[in-house]
Amino acid sequence: MVPTLRHGDAVLVRTGGRPVRPGDVVVAVFRSRPDLLVVKRAVRRQDGGWWIRGDNDLVVDDSRAYGVADVRGRVVARYWPRPGRVRGRPI
């Protein structure tokens, strides 16, 4: 998720609330890798779940490799080490 988030960043995740929208940063689990919890950007609804991608197009550790994911929550803020809101970006 570089440059939005970096390894070691601590984030605040909201479950419930408003529905996930394309462009939101989410915490999710790939259906093909239920042992892997990831933080990625929601792209589109697909097959009852979400197609998700990282912000770094050179790294393919997202739905391009693992398929559809189930979203567990929406990242609303980063609180360590650089506090700030996590904003959407155009898809």
Protein backbone atom coordinates (compact mmCIF):
# COMPACT_ATOMS: atom_id res chain seq x y z
CA MET A 1 0.00 0.00 0.00
CA VAL A 2 3.00 2.30 -0.32
CA PRO A 3 2.77 5.31 -0.55
CA THR A 4 -0.54 5.48 1.37
CA LEU A 5 0.60 3.11 4.12
CA ARG A 6 3.98 1.64 4.96
CA HIS A 7 5.01 -1.57 6.68
CA GLY A 8 4.64 -1.05 10.43
CA ASP A 9 1.94 1.64 10.25
CA ALA A 10 -0.82 1.14 12.82
CA VAL A 11 -4.33 1.84 11.56
CA LEU A 12 -7.80 2.32 13.02
CA VAL A 13 -10.34 0.00 11.38
CA ARG A 14 -14.09 0.52 11.48
CA THR A 15 -16.49 -2.38 11.12
CA GLY A 16 -20.08 -1.55 10.34
CA GLY A 17 -21.00 2.04 9.58
CA ARG A 18 -21.35 3.09 5.99
CA PRO A 19 -20.89 0.46 3.30
CA VAL A 20 -17.51 0.03 1.62
CA ARG A 21 -17.14 2.05 -1.58
CA PRO A 22 -14.63 1.78 -4.42
CA GLY A 23 -11.50 3.66 -3.40
CA ASP A 24 -11.78 2.83 0.32
CA VAL A 25 -8.77 1.29 2.06
CA VAL A 26 -9.96 -1.94 3.69
CA VAL A 27 -8.83 -4.87 5.80
CA ALA A 28 -9.74 -8.08 3.99
CA VAL A 29 -9.16 -11.81 3.68
CA PHE A 30 -8.78 -13.52 0.31
CA ARG A 31 -11.09 -16.48 -0.15
CA SER A 32 -8.18 -18.44 -1.62
CA ARG A 33 -5.90 -17.52 1.34
CA PRO A 34 -8.07 -17.34 4.51
CA ASP A 35 -4.89 -17.28 6.63
CA LEU A 36 -3.77 -13.97 5.09
CA LEU A 37 -5.17 -10.69 6.49
CA VAL A 38 -4.33 -7.75 4.20
CA VAL A 39 -4.81 -4.00 3.87
CA LYS A 40 -5.66 -3.01 0.30
CA ARG A 41 -7.87 -0.63 -1.68
CA ALA A 42 -11.39 -1.73 -2.69
CA VAL A 43 -11.85 -1.58 -6.46
CA ARG A 44 -15.24 -3.16 -7.23
CA ARG A 45 -17.83 -5.62 -5.94
CA GLN A 46 -17.40 -9.06 -7.43
CA ASP A 47 -18.96 -12.46 -6.70
CA GLY A 48 -20.37 -11.34 -3.35
CA GLY A 49 -17.00 -9.97 -2.22
CA TRP A 50 -14.51 -7.33 -3.35
CA TRP A 51 -11.76 -7.08 -5.94
CA ILE A 52 -8.94 -5.33 -4.07
CA ARG A 53 -5.58 -3.89 -5.14
CA GLY A 54 -2.53 -2.37 -3.56
CA ASP A 55 -1.47 1.18 -4.40
CA ASN A 56 1.88 0.00 -5.79
CA ASP A 57 1.14 -1.36 -9.28
CA LEU A 58 4.51 -3.13 -9.43
CA VAL A 59 3.62 -5.45 -6.53
CA VAL A 60 1.07 -8.15 -7.40
CA ASP A 61 -0.03 -9.46 -3.99
CA ASP A 62 -3.68 -8.54 -4.34
CA SER A 63 -6.77 -9.81 -6.20
CA ARG A 64 -4.71 -10.15 -9.38
CA ALA A 65 -2.93 -13.04 -7.65
CA TYR A 66 -5.48 -14.30 -5.09
CA GLY A 67 -8.92 -13.41 -6.48
CA VAL A 68 -11.93 -12.07 -4.61
CA ALA A 69 -11.66 -11.02 -0.95
CA ASP A 70 -14.10 -10.61 1.91
CA VAL A 71 -13.82 -7.22 3.62
CA ARG A 72 -13.56 -7.24 7.42
CA GLY A 73 -13.50 -3.47 7.93
CA ARG A 74 -12.64 -0.05 6.53
CA VAL A 75 -9.42 1.76 7.46
CA VAL A 76 -10.33 5.25 8.67
CA ALA A 77 -7.06 6.53 10.16
CA ARG A 78 -3.39 5.84 10.62
CA TYR A 79 -2.33 6.52 14.22
CA TRP A 80 1.29 5.41 14.27
CA PRO A 81 3.93 6.55 13.40
CA ARG A 82 2.51 9.38 11.24
CA PRO A 83 -1.02 10.18 12.44
CA GLY A 84 -3.51 11.16 9.75
CA ARG A 85 -6.64 10.30 7.81
CA VAL A 86 -6.38 7.64 5.17
CA ARG A 87 -7.94 9.13 2.08
CA GLY A 88 -9.33 7.55 -1.03
CA ARG A 89 -7.82 7.96 -4.44
CA PRO A 90 -9.35 7.57 -7.87
CA ILE A 91 -9.44 3.98 -9.12
